Amino acid sequence: MSKNPFDYVNAINNTKKDILENDKDYPSFMVNRSLSYFPDTVLYANEMNINHHLDSKPQFDFLRGIIRKRKRFSKWNKTTESQDIEAIKEYYTYSNEKARDVLTILTSSDLTFIKERLNKGGAYR
């Protein structure tokens, strides 16, 4: 049974147990991202990002051995797209990045116009 990324993070931070059964199951990116939220583990996560070419076992063993046992919890940052960016993306068929750039130069009346043009309304009969 494959484990989720938080099982590996918990093993690195708390239990220090060797739970790695299959190299293919180890989500190194997610583990490193999770460890990057804390000042005492961010450099170790960065070191593993630099050495991404290593197999999963050495990466997991390094992190499990070098990081001190401690409870660490952090909510994951998630990007939230505003309604303005969504409207710009739909109206101009732009990417997220391009829509963010355009948002800085549009006025509020421009955004109102775009949203009115995109309003599909409803058909009540």
PDB file of N, CA and C in Angstrom:
ATOM      1  N   MET A   1       0.844  -1.176   0.000  1.00  0.00           N
ATOM      2  CA  MET A   1       0.000   0.000   0.000  1.00  0.00           C
ATOM      3  C   MET A   1       0.893   1.245   0.000  1.00  0.00           C
ATOM      4  N   SER A   2       0.657   2.145  -0.920  1.00  0.00           N
ATOM      5  CA  SER A   2       1.480   3.352  -0.975  1.00  0.00           C
ATOM      6  C   SER A   2       1.039   4.333   0.102  1.00  0.00           C
ATOM      7  N   LYS A   3       1.981   5.089   0.558  1.00  0.00           N
ATOM      8  CA  LYS A   3       1.728   6.054   1.617  1.00  0.00           C
ATOM      9  C   LYS A   3       1.554   7.437   1.000  1.00  0.00           C
ATOM     10  N   ASN A   4       0.916   8.324   1.748  1.00  0.00           N
ATOM     11  CA  ASN A   4       0.793   9.687   1.243  1.00  0.00           C
ATOM     12  C   ASN A   4       2.012  10.488   1.682  1.00  0.00           C
ATOM     13  N   PRO A   5       2.248  11.662   1.106  1.00  0.00           N
ATOM     14  CA  PRO A   5       3.442  12.452   1.437  1.00  0.00           C
ATOM     15  C   PRO A   5       3.551  12.786   2.918  1.00  0.00           C
ATOM     16  N   PHE A   6       2.421  12.929   3.588  1.00  0.00           N
ATOM     17  CA  PHE A   6       2.452  13.316   4.990  1.00  0.00           C
ATOM     18  C   PHE A   6       2.948  12.188   5.886  1.00  0.00           C
ATOM     19  N   ASP A   7       2.806  10.948   5.450  1.00  0.00           N
ATOM     20  CA  ASP A   7       3.377   9.827   6.193  1.00  0.00           C
ATOM     21  C   ASP A   7       4.906   9.929   6.203  1.00  0.00           C
ATOM     22  N   TYR A   8       5.477  10.280   5.063  1.00  0.00           N
ATOM     23  CA  TYR A   8       6.934  10.426   4.979  1.00  0.00           C
ATOM     24  C   TYR A   8       7.408  11.620   5.791  1.00  0.00           C
ATOM     25  N   VAL A   9       6.681  12.723   5.733  1.00  0.00           N
ATOM     26  CA  VAL A   9       7.042  13.915   6.509  1.00  0.00           C
ATOM     27  C   VAL A   9       6.958  13.608   7.997  1.00  0.00           C
ATOM     28  N   ASN A  10       5.936  12.873   8.402  1.00  0.00           N
ATOM     29  CA  ASN A  10       5.795  12.489   9.800  1.00  0.00           C
ATOM     30  C   ASN A  10       6.943  11.587  10.241  1.00  0.00           C
ATOM     31  N   ALA A  11       7.354  10.670   9.360  1.00  0.00           N
ATOM     32  CA  ALA A  11       8.475   9.785   9.685  1.00  0.00           C
ATOM     33  C   ALA A  11       9.774  10.580   9.814  1.00  0.00           C
ATOM     34  N   ILE A  12       9.942  11.608   9.004  1.00  0.00           N
ATOM     35  CA  ILE A  12      11.144  12.434   9.070  1.00  0.00           C
ATOM     36  C   ILE A  12      11.127  13.307  10.324  1.00  0.00           C
ATOM     37  N   ASN A  13       9.988  13.908  10.619  1.00  0.00           N
ATOM     38  CA  ASN A  13       9.890  14.847  11.735  1.00  0.00           C
ATOM     39  C   ASN A  13       9.705  14.184  13.096  1.00  0.00           C
ATOM     40  N   ASN A  14       8.895  13.143  13.182  1.00  0.00           N
ATOM     41  CA  ASN A  14       8.501  12.611  14.488  1.00  0.00           C
ATOM     42  C   ASN A  14       8.988  11.209  14.782  1.00  0.00           C
ATOM     43  N   THR A  15       8.548  10.233  13.994  1.00  0.00           N
ATOM     44  CA  THR A  15       8.763   8.838  14.374  1.00  0.00           C
ATOM     45  C   THR A  15      10.168   8.331  14.071  1.00  0.00           C
ATOM     46  N   LYS A  16      10.801   8.872  13.047  1.00  0.00           N
ATOM     47  CA  LYS A  16      12.139   8.452  12.609  1.00  0.00           C
ATOM     48  C   LYS A  16      12.179   7.001  12.149  1.00  0.00           C
ATOM     49  N   LYS A  17      11.008   6.435  11.792  1.00  0.00           N
ATOM     50  CA  LYS A  17      10.938   5.061  11.297  1.00  0.00           C
ATOM     51  C   LYS A  17      11.243   5.026   9.809  1.00  0.00           C
ATOM     52  N   ASP A  18      11.840   3.931   9.383  1.00  0.00           N
ATOM     53  CA  ASP A  18      12.121   3.735   7.961  1.00  0.00           C
ATOM     54  C   ASP A  18      10.894   3.116   7.305  1.00  0.00           C
ATOM     55  N   ILE A  19      10.050   3.957   6.729  1.00  0.00           N
ATOM     56  CA  ILE A  19       8.803   3.474   6.116  1.00  0.00           C
ATOM     57  C   ILE A  19       8.907   3.369   4.605  1.00  0.00           C
ATOM     58  N   LEU A  20      10.072   3.672   4.048  1.00  0.00           N
ATOM     59  CA  LEU A  20      10.242   3.644   2.596  1.00  0.00           C
ATOM     60  C   LEU A  20      10.338   2.196   2.113  1.00  0.00           C
ATOM     61  N   GLU A  21       9.323   1.768   1.382  1.00  0.00           N
ATOM     62  CA  GLU A  21       9.278   0.402   0.869  1.00  0.00           C
ATOM     63  C   GLU A  21       9.652   0.342  -0.601  1.00  0.00           C
ATOM     64  N   ASN A  22       9.250   1.367  -1.343  1.00  0.00           N
ATOM     65  CA  ASN A  22       9.460   1.375  -2.780  1.00  0.00           C
ATOM     66  C   ASN A  22       9.944   2.765  -3.187  1.00  0.00           C
ATOM     67  N   ASP A  23      11.036   2.831  -3.918  1.00  0.00           N
ATOM     68  CA  ASP A  23      11.582   4.127  -4.331  1.00  0.00           C
ATOM     69  C   ASP A  23      10.609   4.937  -5.183  1.00  0.00           C
ATOM     70  N   LYS A  24       9.764   4.254  -5.905  1.00  0.00           N
ATOM     71  CA  LYS A  24       8.822   4.945  -6.798  1.00  0.00           C
ATOM     72  C   LYS A  24       7.740   5.686  -6.016  1.00  0.00           C
ATOM     73  N   ASP A  25       7.454   5.255  -4.801  1.00  0.00           N
ATOM     74  CA  ASP A  25       6.383   5.861  -4.012  1.00  0.00           C
ATOM     75  C   ASP A  25       6.799   7.126  -3.273  1.00  0.00           C
ATOM     76  N   TYR A  26       8.091   7.375  -3.143  1.00  0.00           N
ATOM     77  CA  TYR A  26       8.564   8.515  -2.352  1.00  0.00           C
ATOM     78  C   TYR A  26       8.372   9.819  -3.121  1.00  0.00           C
ATOM     79  N   PRO A  27       7.523  10.712  -2.629  1.00  0.00           N
ATOM     80  CA  PRO A  27       7.260  11.991  -3.314  1.00  0.00           C
ATOM     81  C   PRO A  27       8.239  13.064  -2.855  1.00  0.00           C
ATOM     82  N   SER A  28       9.433  13.061  -3.390  1.00  0.00           N
ATOM     83  CA  SER A  28      10.488  13.956  -2.901  1.00  0.00           C
ATOM     84  C   SER A  28      10.097  15.430  -3.004  1.00  0.00           C
ATOM     85  N   PHE A  29       9.440  15.815  -4.079  1.00  0.00           N
ATOM     86  CA  PHE A  29       9.053  17.218  -4.221  1.00  0.00           C
ATOM     87  C   PHE A  29       8.113  17.644  -3.099  1.00  0.00           C
ATOM     88  N   MET A  30       7.106  16.821  -2.823  1.00  0.00           N
ATOM     89  CA  MET A  30       6.134  17.160  -1.790  1.00  0.00           C
ATOM     90  C   MET A  30       6.755  17.165  -0.397  1.00  0.00           C
ATOM     91  N   VAL A  31       7.641  16.236  -0.130  1.00  0.00           N
ATOM     92  CA  VAL A  31       8.318  16.193   1.163  1.00  0.00           C
ATOM     93  C   VAL A  31       9.191  17.425   1.326  1.00  0.00           C
ATOM     94  N   ASN A  32       9.963  17.761   0.300  1.00  0.00           N
ATOM     95  CA  ASN A  32      10.831  18.942   0.376  1.00  0.00           C
ATOM     96  C   ASN A  32      10.013  20.216   0.506  1.00  0.00           C
ATOM     97  N   ARG A  33       8.913  20.278  -0.195  1.00  0.00           N
ATOM     98  CA  ARG A  33       8.052  21.453  -0.094  1.00  0.00           C
ATOM     99  C   ARG A  33       7.506  21.593   1.320  1.00  0.00           C
ATOM    100  N   SER A  34       7.089  20.495   1.894  1.00  0.00           N
ATOM    101  CA  SER A  34       6.560  20.511   3.249  1.00  0.00           C
ATOM    102  C   SER A  34       7.619  20.963   4.253  1.00  0.00           C
ATOM    103  N   LEU A  35       8.842  20.512   4.074  1.00  0.00           N
ATOM    104  CA  LEU A  35       9.922  20.885   4.986  1.00  0.00           C
ATOM    105  C   LEU A  35      10.403  22.318   4.765  1.00  0.00           C
ATOM    106  N   SER A  36      10.098  22.880   3.619  1.00  0.00           N
ATOM    107  CA  SER A  36      10.563  24.239   3.322  1.00  0.00           C
ATOM    108  C   SER A  36       9.803  25.313   4.088  1.00  0.00           C
ATOM    109  N   TYR A  37       8.734  24.961   4.781  1.00  0.00           N
ATOM    110  CA  TYR A  37       7.947  25.933   5.534  1.00  0.00           C
ATOM    111  C   TYR A  37       8.552  26.282   6.895  1.00  0.00           C
ATOM    112  N   PHE A  38       9.585  25.569   7.317  1.00  0.00           N
ATOM    113  CA  PHE A  38      10.128  25.760   8.659  1.00  0.00           C
ATOM    114  C   PHE A  38      11.578  26.250   8.588  1.00  0.00           C
ATOM    115  N   PRO A  39      11.927  27.230   9.416  1.00  0.00           N
ATOM    116  CA  PRO A  39      13.285  27.792   9.369  1.00  0.00           C
ATOM    117  C   PRO A  39      14.382  26.772   9.669  1.00  0.00           C
ATOM    118  N   ASP A  40      14.084  25.783  10.520  1.00  0.00           N
ATOM    119  CA  ASP A  40      15.124  24.819  10.880  1.00  0.00           C
ATOM    120  C   ASP A  40      15.272  23.675   9.880  1.00  0.00           C
ATOM    121  N   THR A  41      14.376  23.577   8.889  1.00  0.00           N
ATOM    122  CA  THR A  41      14.480  22.490   7.916  1.00  0.00           C
ATOM    123  C   THR A  41      14.568  22.969   6.470  1.00  0.00           C
ATOM    124  N   VAL A  42      14.428  24.257   6.251  1.00  0.00           N
ATOM    125  CA  VAL A  42      14.396  24.766   4.874  1.00  0.00           C
ATOM    126  C   VAL A  42      15.715  24.505   4.142  1.00  0.00           C
ATOM    127  N   LEU A  43      16.825  24.623   4.823  1.00  0.00           N
ATOM    128  CA  LEU A  43      18.116  24.400   4.164  1.00  0.00           C
ATOM    129  C   LEU A  43      18.318  22.935   3.793  1.00  0.00           C
ATOM    130  N   TYR A  44      17.808  22.030   4.607  1.00  0.00           N
ATOM    131  CA  TYR A  44      17.908  20.604   4.291  1.00  0.00           C
ATOM    132  C   TYR A  44      17.029  20.264   3.080  1.00  0.00           C
ATOM    133  N   ALA A  45      15.851  20.864   3.038  1.00  0.00           N
ATOM    134  CA  ALA A  45      14.963  20.655   1.886  1.00  0.00           C
ATOM    135  C   ALA A  45      15.623  21.193   0.621  1.00  0.00           C
ATOM    136  N   ASN A  46      16.260  22.344   0.732  1.00  0.00           N
ATOM    137  CA  ASN A  46      16.951  22.924  -0.422  1.00  0.00           C
ATOM    138  C   ASN A  46      18.109  22.032  -0.870  1.00  0.00           C
ATOM    139  N   GLU A  47      18.807  21.459   0.078  1.00  0.00           N
ATOM    140  CA  GLU A  47      19.914  20.556  -0.259  1.00  0.00           C
ATOM    141  C   GLU A  47      19.411  19.351  -1.046  1.00  0.00           C
ATOM    142  N   MET A  48      18.248  18.843  -0.682  1.00  0.00           N
ATOM    143  CA  MET A  48      17.673  17.718  -1.417  1.00  0.00           C
ATOM    144  C   MET A  48      17.159  18.167  -2.788  1.00  0.00           C
ATOM    145  N   ASN A  49      16.701  19.400  -2.898  1.00  0.00           N
ATOM    146  CA  ASN A  49      16.306  19.912  -4.215  1.00  0.00           C
ATOM    147  C   ASN A  49      17.519  20.051  -5.125  1.00  0.00           C
ATOM    148  N   ILE A  50      18.635  20.460  -4.559  1.00  0.00           N
ATOM    149  CA  ILE A  50      19.872  20.569  -5.339  1.00  0.00           C
ATOM    150  C   ILE A  50      20.326  19.183  -5.798  1.00  0.00           C
ATOM    151  N   ASN A  51      20.170  18.208  -4.922  1.00  0.00           N
ATOM    152  CA  ASN A  51      20.602  16.834  -5.218  1.00  0.00           C
ATOM    153  C   ASN A  51      19.424  15.946  -5.620  1.00  0.00           C
ATOM    154  N   HIS A  52      18.558  16.460  -6.453  1.00  0.00           N
ATOM    155  CA  HIS A  52      17.366  15.736  -6.888  1.00  0.00           C
ATOM    156  C   HIS A  52      17.693  14.469  -7.669  1.00  0.00           C
ATOM    157  N   HIS A  53      18.913  14.385  -8.176  1.00  0.00           N
ATOM    158  CA  HIS A  53      19.308  13.221  -8.968  1.00  0.00           C
ATOM    159  C   HIS A  53      19.529  11.970  -8.111  1.00  0.00           C
ATOM    160  N   LEU A  54      19.625  12.134  -6.802  1.00  0.00           N
ATOM    161  CA  LEU A  54      19.807  10.986  -5.909  1.00  0.00           C
ATOM    162  C   LEU A  54      18.557  10.123  -5.884  1.00  0.00           C
ATOM    163  N   ASP A  55      18.757   8.844  -5.589  1.00  0.00           N
ATOM    164  CA  ASP A  55      17.611   7.952  -5.424  1.00  0.00           C
ATOM    165  C   ASP A  55      16.819   8.355  -4.190  1.00  0.00           C
ATOM    166  N   SER A  56      15.641   7.813  -4.063  1.00  0.00           N
ATOM    167  CA  SER A  56      14.753   8.157  -2.953  1.00  0.00           C
ATOM    168  C   SER A  56      15.297   7.729  -1.600  1.00  0.00           C
ATOM    169  N   LYS A  57      15.901   6.561  -1.534  1.00  0.00           N
ATOM    170  CA  LYS A  57      16.401   6.024  -0.259  1.00  0.00           C
ATOM    171  C   LYS A  57      17.437   6.951   0.375  1.00  0.00           C
ATOM    172  N   PRO A  58      18.472   7.384  -0.342  1.00  0.00           N
ATOM    173  CA  PRO A  58      19.431   8.303   0.287  1.00  0.00           C
ATOM    174  C   PRO A  58      18.810   9.644   0.686  1.00  0.00           C
ATOM    175  N   GLN A  59      17.877  10.143  -0.113  1.00  0.00           N
ATOM    176  CA  GLN A  59      17.216  11.397   0.240  1.00  0.00           C
ATOM    177  C   GLN A  59      16.432  11.240   1.541  1.00  0.00           C
ATOM    178  N   PHE A  60      15.622  10.189   1.610  1.00  0.00           N
ATOM    179  CA  PHE A  60      14.807   9.954   2.800  1.00  0.00           C
ATOM    180  C   PHE A  60      15.682   9.715   4.030  1.00  0.00           C
ATOM    181  N   ASP A  61      16.731   8.906   3.883  1.00  0.00           N
ATOM    182  CA  ASP A  61      17.627   8.621   5.011  1.00  0.00           C
ATOM    183  C   ASP A  61      18.360   9.867   5.480  1.00  0.00           C
ATOM    184  N   PHE A  62      18.795  10.710   4.555  1.00  0.00           N
ATOM    185  CA  PHE A  62      19.466  11.954   4.924  1.00  0.00           C
ATOM    186  C   PHE A  62      18.536  12.831   5.760  1.00  0.00           C
ATOM    187  N   LEU A  63      17.333  13.044   5.271  1.00  0.00           N
ATOM    188  CA  LEU A  63      16.389  13.910   5.981  1.00  0.00           C
ATOM    189  C   LEU A  63      15.991  13.312   7.327  1.00  0.00           C
ATOM    190  N   ARG A  64      15.777  12.019   7.355  1.00  0.00           N
ATOM    191  CA  ARG A  64      15.387  11.345   8.591  1.00  0.00           C
ATOM    192  C   ARG A  64      16.496  11.412   9.631  1.00  0.00           C
ATOM    193  N   GLY A  65      17.738  11.352   9.179  1.00  0.00           N
ATOM    194  CA  GLY A  65      18.864  11.350  10.101  1.00  0.00           C
ATOM    195  C   GLY A  65      19.287  12.735  10.568  1.00  0.00           C
ATOM    196  N   ILE A  66      19.147  13.735   9.727  1.00  0.00           N
ATOM    197  CA  ILE A  66      19.708  15.047  10.058  1.00  0.00           C
ATOM    198  C   ILE A  66      18.713  15.986  10.735  1.00  0.00           C
ATOM    199  N   ILE A  67      17.434  15.798  10.482  1.00  0.00           N
ATOM    200  CA  ILE A  67      16.423  16.697  11.057  1.00  0.00           C
ATOM    201  C   ILE A  67      16.065  16.230  12.456  1.00  0.00           C
ATOM    202  N   ARG A  68      16.112  17.179  13.393  1.00  0.00           N
ATOM    203  CA  ARG A  68      15.800  16.853  14.778  1.00  0.00           C
ATOM    204  C   ARG A  68      14.322  16.518  14.941  1.00  0.00           C
ATOM    205  N   LYS A  69      14.074  15.611  15.857  1.00  0.00           N
ATOM    206  CA  LYS A  69      12.704  15.181  16.124  1.00  0.00           C
ATOM    207  C   LYS A  69      11.935  16.337  16.753  1.00  0.00           C
ATOM    208  N   ARG A  70      10.829  16.693  16.118  1.00  0.00           N
ATOM    209  CA  ARG A  70      10.021  17.815  16.595  1.00  0.00           C
ATOM    210  C   ARG A  70       8.679  17.812  15.872  1.00  0.00           C
ATOM    211  N   LYS A  71       7.648  18.252  16.567  1.00  0.00           N
ATOM    212  CA  LYS A  71       6.338  18.402  15.919  1.00  0.00           C
ATOM    213  C   LYS A  71       6.378  19.664  15.073  1.00  0.00           C
ATOM    214  N   ARG A  72       6.045  19.529  13.805  1.00  0.00           N
ATOM    215  CA  ARG A  72       5.991  20.675  12.894  1.00  0.00           C
ATOM    216  C   ARG A  72       4.673  20.602  12.147  1.00  0.00           C
ATOM    217  N   PHE A  73       3.958  21.717  12.147  1.00  0.00           N
ATOM    218  CA  PHE A  73       2.703  21.767  11.421  1.00  0.00           C
ATOM    219  C   PHE A  73       2.587  23.115  10.746  1.00  0.00           C
ATOM    220  N   SER A  74       2.162  23.097   9.512  1.00  0.00           N
ATOM    221  CA  SER A  74       1.951  24.334   8.772  1.00  0.00           C
ATOM    222  C   SER A  74       0.880  24.092   7.729  1.00  0.00           C
ATOM    223  N   LYS A  75       0.034  25.077   7.545  1.00  0.00           N
ATOM    224  CA  LYS A  75      -0.941  24.989   6.456  1.00  0.00           C
ATOM    225  C   LYS A  75      -0.211  25.270   5.163  1.00  0.00           C
ATOM    226  N   TRP A  76      -0.608  24.593   4.122  1.00  0.00           N
ATOM    227  CA  TRP A  76       0.030  24.775   2.829  1.00  0.00           C
ATOM    228  C   TRP A  76      -0.511  26.027   2.178  1.00  0.00           C
ATOM    229  N   ASN A  77       0.391  26.790   1.592  1.00  0.00           N
ATOM    230  CA  ASN A  77      -0.035  27.974   0.849  1.00  0.00           C
ATOM    231  C   ASN A  77      -0.692  27.535  -0.448  1.00  0.00           C
ATOM    232  N   LYS A  78      -1.851  28.116  -0.707  1.00  0.00           N
ATOM    233  CA  LYS A  78      -2.558  27.813  -1.941  1.00  0.00           C
ATOM    234  C   LYS A  78      -2.836  29.123  -2.648  1.00  0.00           C
ATOM    235  N   THR A  79      -2.644  29.119  -3.931  1.00  0.00           N
ATOM    236  CA  THR A  79      -2.926  30.328  -4.686  1.00  0.00           C
ATOM    237  C   THR A  79      -4.424  30.472  -4.851  1.00  0.00           C
ATOM    238  N   THR A  80      -4.888  31.689  -4.683  1.00  0.00           N
ATOM    239  CA  THR A  80      -6.299  31.973  -4.886  1.00  0.00           C
ATOM    240  C   THR A  80      -6.410  32.946  -6.045  1.00  0.00           C
ATOM    241  N   GLU A  81      -7.199  32.586  -6.991  1.00  0.00           N
ATOM    242  CA  GLU A  81      -7.388  33.432  -8.156  1.00  0.00           C
ATOM    243  C   GLU A  81      -8.595  34.330  -7.924  1.00  0.00           C
ATOM    244  N   SER A  82      -8.415  35.597  -8.179  1.00  0.00           N
ATOM    245  CA  SER A  82      -9.514  36.526  -7.995  1.00  0.00           C
ATOM    246  C   SER A  82     -10.488  36.423  -9.173  1.00  0.00           C
ATOM    247  N   GLN A  83     -11.670  36.941  -8.961  1.00  0.00           N
ATOM    248  CA  GLN A  83     -12.669  36.939 -10.031  1.00  0.00           C
ATOM    249  C   GLN A  83     -12.205  37.823 -11.183  1.00  0.00           C
ATOM    250  N   ASP A  84     -11.450  38.873 -10.869  1.00  0.00           N
ATOM    251  CA  ASP A  84     -10.949  39.762 -11.916  1.00  0.00           C
ATOM    252  C   ASP A  84     -10.002  39.013 -12.849  1.00  0.00           C
ATOM    253  N   ILE A  85      -9.101  38.236 -12.279  1.00  0.00           N
ATOM    254  CA  ILE A  85      -8.140  37.485 -13.094  1.00  0.00           C
ATOM    255  C   ILE A  85      -8.873  36.438 -13.929  1.00  0.00           C
ATOM    256  N   GLU A  86      -9.852  35.777 -13.320  1.00  0.00           N
ATOM    257  CA  GLU A  86     -10.632  34.783 -14.069  1.00  0.00           C
ATOM    258  C   GLU A  86     -11.360  35.437 -15.242  1.00  0.00           C
ATOM    259  N   ALA A  87     -11.918  36.627 -15.021  1.00  0.00           N
ATOM    260  CA  ALA A  87     -12.627  37.327 -16.101  1.00  0.00           C
ATOM    261  C   ALA A  87     -11.660  37.716 -17.214  1.00  0.00           C
ATOM    262  N   ILE A  88     -10.485  38.206 -16.853  1.00  0.00           N
ATOM    263  CA  ILE A  88      -9.479  38.596 -17.857  1.00  0.00           C
ATOM    264  C   ILE A  88      -9.038  37.372 -18.647  1.00  0.00           C
ATOM    265  N   LYS A  89      -8.812  36.259 -17.967  1.00  0.00           N
ATOM    266  CA  LYS A  89      -8.400  35.030 -18.642  1.00  0.00           C
ATOM    267  C   LYS A  89      -9.444  34.579 -19.657  1.00  0.00           C
ATOM    268  N   GLU A  90     -10.713  34.650 -19.263  1.00  0.00           N
ATOM    269  CA  GLU A  90     -11.768  34.198 -20.163  1.00  0.00           C
ATOM    270  C   GLU A  90     -11.970  35.173 -21.319  1.00  0.00           C
ATOM    271  N   TYR A  91     -11.961  36.463 -21.032  1.00  0.00           N
ATOM    272  CA  TYR A  91     -12.251  37.468 -22.052  1.00  0.00           C
ATOM    273  C   TYR A  91     -11.157  37.523 -23.123  1.00  0.00           C
ATOM    274  N   TYR A  92      -9.896  37.536 -22.666  1.00  0.00           N
ATOM    275  CA  TYR A  92      -8.777  37.655 -23.608  1.00  0.00           C
ATOM    276  C   TYR A  92      -8.129  36.314 -23.947  1.00  0.00           C
ATOM    277  N   THR A  93      -8.580  35.244 -23.324  1.00  0.00           N
ATOM    278  CA  THR A  93      -7.963  33.913 -23.415  1.00  0.00           C
ATOM    279  C   THR A  93      -6.463  33.972 -23.099  1.00  0.00           C
ATOM    280  N   TYR A  94      -6.166  34.594 -21.963  1.00  0.00           N
ATOM    281  CA  TYR A  94      -4.788  34.721 -21.486  1.00  0.00           C
ATOM    282  C   TYR A  94      -4.490  33.642 -20.444  1.00  0.00           C
ATOM    283  N   SER A  95      -3.201  33.422 -20.221  1.00  0.00           N
ATOM    284  CA  SER A  95      -2.755  32.531 -19.161  1.00  0.00           C
ATOM    285  C   SER A  95      -2.846  33.273 -17.824  1.00  0.00           C
ATOM    286  N   ASN A  96      -2.618  32.537 -16.731  1.00  0.00           N
ATOM    287  CA  ASN A  96      -2.635  33.162 -15.397  1.00  0.00           C
ATOM    288  C   ASN A  96      -1.628  34.296 -15.300  1.00  0.00           C
ATOM    289  N   GLU A  97      -0.418  34.033 -15.759  1.00  0.00           N
ATOM    290  CA  GLU A  97       0.653  35.030 -15.656  1.00  0.00           C
ATOM    291  C   GLU A  97       0.329  36.285 -16.467  1.00  0.00           C
ATOM    292  N   LYS A  98      -0.116  36.097 -17.682  1.00  0.00           N
ATOM    293  CA  LYS A  98      -0.466  37.223 -18.548  1.00  0.00           C
ATOM    294  C   LYS A  98      -1.647  38.006 -17.963  1.00  0.00           C
ATOM    295  N   ALA A  99      -2.636  37.303 -17.415  1.00  0.00           N
ATOM    296  CA  ALA A  99      -3.798  37.961 -16.818  1.00  0.00           C
ATOM    297  C   ALA A  99      -3.388  38.799 -15.613  1.00  0.00           C
ATOM    298  N   ARG A 100      -2.438  38.314 -14.806  1.00  0.00           N
ATOM    299  CA  ARG A 100      -1.950  39.099 -13.658  1.00  0.00           C
ATOM    300  C   ARG A 100      -1.249  40.368 -14.137  1.00  0.00           C
ATOM    301  N   ASP A 101      -0.499  40.251 -15.224  1.00  0.00           N
ATOM    302  CA  ASP A 101       0.172  41.433 -15.776  1.00  0.00           C
ATOM    303  C   ASP A 101      -0.838  42.456 -16.268  1.00  0.00           C
ATOM    304  N   VAL A 102      -1.861  41.993 -16.964  1.00  0.00           N
ATOM    305  CA  VAL A 102      -2.875  42.880 -17.524  1.00  0.00           C
ATOM    306  C   VAL A 102      -3.705  43.529 -16.421  1.00  0.00           C
ATOM    307  N   LEU A 103      -3.931  42.815 -15.331  1.00  0.00           N
ATOM    308  CA  LEU A 103      -4.734  43.342 -14.230  1.00  0.00           C
ATOM    309  C   LEU A 103      -4.157  44.637 -13.678  1.00  0.00           C
ATOM    310  N   THR A 104      -2.841  44.758 -13.712  1.00  0.00           N
ATOM    311  CA  THR A 104      -2.212  45.966 -13.163  1.00  0.00           C
ATOM    312  C   THR A 104      -2.468  47.205 -14.012  1.00  0.00           C
ATOM    313  N   ILE A 105      -2.805  47.041 -15.285  1.00  0.00           N
ATOM    314  CA  ILE A 105      -3.003  48.216 -16.142  1.00  0.00           C
ATOM    315  C   ILE A 105      -4.473  48.518 -16.435  1.00  0.00           C
ATOM    316  N   LEU A 106      -5.359  47.597 -16.080  1.00  0.00           N
ATOM    317  CA  LEU A 106      -6.779  47.833 -16.322  1.00  0.00           C
ATOM    318  C   LEU A 106      -7.395  48.683 -15.214  1.00  0.00           C
ATOM    319  N   THR A 107      -8.337  49.524 -15.588  1.00  0.00           N
ATOM    320  CA  THR A 107      -9.056  50.328 -14.599  1.00  0.00           C
ATOM    321  C   THR A 107     -10.268  49.538 -14.110  1.00  0.00           C
ATOM    322  N   SER A 108     -10.905  50.049 -13.064  1.00  0.00           N
ATOM    323  CA  SER A 108     -12.090  49.366 -12.544  1.00  0.00           C
ATOM    324  C   SER A 108     -13.232  49.402 -13.556  1.00  0.00           C
ATOM    325  N   SER A 109     -13.310  50.479 -14.346  1.00  0.00           N
ATOM    326  CA  SER A 109     -14.359  50.530 -15.371  1.00  0.00           C
ATOM    327  C   SER A 109     -14.080  49.515 -16.487  1.00  0.00           C
ATOM    328  N   ASP A 110     -12.796  49.290 -16.796  1.00  0.00           N
ATOM    329  CA  ASP A 110     -12.446  48.252 -17.775  1.00  0.00           C
ATOM    330  C   ASP A 110     -12.887  46.875 -17.280  1.00  0.00           C
ATOM    331  N   LEU A 111     -12.636  46.619 -16.002  1.00  0.00           N
ATOM    332  CA  LEU A 111     -13.011  45.326 -15.426  1.00  0.00           C
ATOM    333  C   LEU A 111     -14.531  45.160 -15.401  1.00  0.00           C
ATOM    334  N   THR A 112     -15.237  46.226 -15.083  1.00  0.00           N
ATOM    335  CA  THR A 112     -16.703  46.171 -15.090  1.00  0.00           C
ATOM    336  C   THR A 112     -17.213  45.851 -16.484  1.00  0.00           C
ATOM    337  N   PHE A 113     -16.634  46.503 -17.494  1.00  0.00           N
ATOM    338  CA  PHE A 113     -17.019  46.250 -18.883  1.00  0.00           C
ATOM    339  C   PHE A 113     -16.787  44.793 -19.265  1.00  0.00           C
ATOM    340  N   ILE A 114     -15.617  44.274 -18.907  1.00  0.00           N
ATOM    341  CA  ILE A 114     -15.279  42.881 -19.230  1.00  0.00           C
ATOM    342  C   ILE A 114     -16.269  41.923 -18.570  1.00  0.00           C
ATOM    343  N   LYS A 115     -16.569  42.162 -17.302  1.00  0.00           N
ATOM    344  CA  LYS A 115     -17.483  41.280 -16.573  1.00  0.00           C
ATOM    345  C   LYS A 115     -18.896  41.347 -17.155  1.00  0.00           C
ATOM    346  N   GLU A 116     -19.319  42.535 -17.589  1.00  0.00           N
ATOM    347  CA  GLU A 116     -20.646  42.663 -18.205  1.00  0.00           C
ATOM    348  C   GLU A 116     -20.699  41.896 -19.522  1.00  0.00           C
ATOM    349  N   ARG A 117     -19.628  41.965 -20.299  1.00  0.00           N
ATOM    350  CA  ARG A 117     -19.584  41.248 -21.583  1.00  0.00           C
ATOM    351  C   ARG A 117     -19.597  39.731 -21.380  1.00  0.00           C
ATOM    352  N   LEU A 118     -19.005  39.292 -20.274  1.00  0.00           N
ATOM    353  CA  LEU A 118     -18.938  37.855 -19.998  1.00  0.00           C
ATOM    354  C   LEU A 118     -20.202  37.331 -19.316  1.00  0.00           C
ATOM    355  N   ASN A 119     -21.048  38.226 -18.846  1.00  0.00           N
ATOM    356  CA  ASN A 119     -22.256  37.808 -18.134  1.00  0.00           C
ATOM    357  C   ASN A 119     -23.186  37.078 -19.101  1.00  0.00           C
ATOM    358  N   LYS A 120     -23.388  35.826 -18.820  1.00  0.00           N
ATOM    359  CA  LYS A 120     -24.206  35.007 -19.707  1.00  0.00           C
ATOM    360  C   LYS A 120     -25.678  35.054 -19.296  1.00  0.00           C
ATOM    361  N   GLY A 121     -25.931  35.533 -18.091  1.00  0.00           N
ATOM    362  CA  GLY A 121     -27.315  35.655 -17.624  1.00  0.00           C
ATOM    363  C   GLY A 121     -27.982  34.309 -17.457  1.00  0.00           C
ATOM    364  N   GLY A 122     -29.250  34.369 -17.131  1.00  0.00           N
ATOM    365  CA  GLY A 122     -30.012  33.139 -16.951  1.00  0.00           C
ATOM    366  C   GLY A 122     -31.309  33.228 -17.722  1.00  0.00           C
ATOM    367  N   ALA A 123     -31.815  32.113 -18.098  1.00  0.00           N
ATOM    368  CA  ALA A 123     -33.066  32.094 -18.872  1.00  0.00           C
ATOM    369  C   ALA A 123     -34.186  31.575 -17.977  1.00  0.00           C
ATOM    370  N   TYR A 124     -35.006  32.476 -17.483  1.00  0.00           N
ATOM    371  CA  TYR A 124     -36.151  32.101 -16.669  1.00  0.00           C
ATOM    372  C   TYR A 124     -37.402  32.244 -17.501  1.00  0.00           C
ATOM    373  N   ARG A 125     -38.187  31.215 -17.569  1.00  0.00           N
ATOM    374  CA  ARG A 125     -39.422  31.287 -18.369  1.00  0.00           C
ATOM    375  C   ARG A 125     -40.580  30.845 -17.568  1.00  0.00           C
TER     376      ARG A 125
END
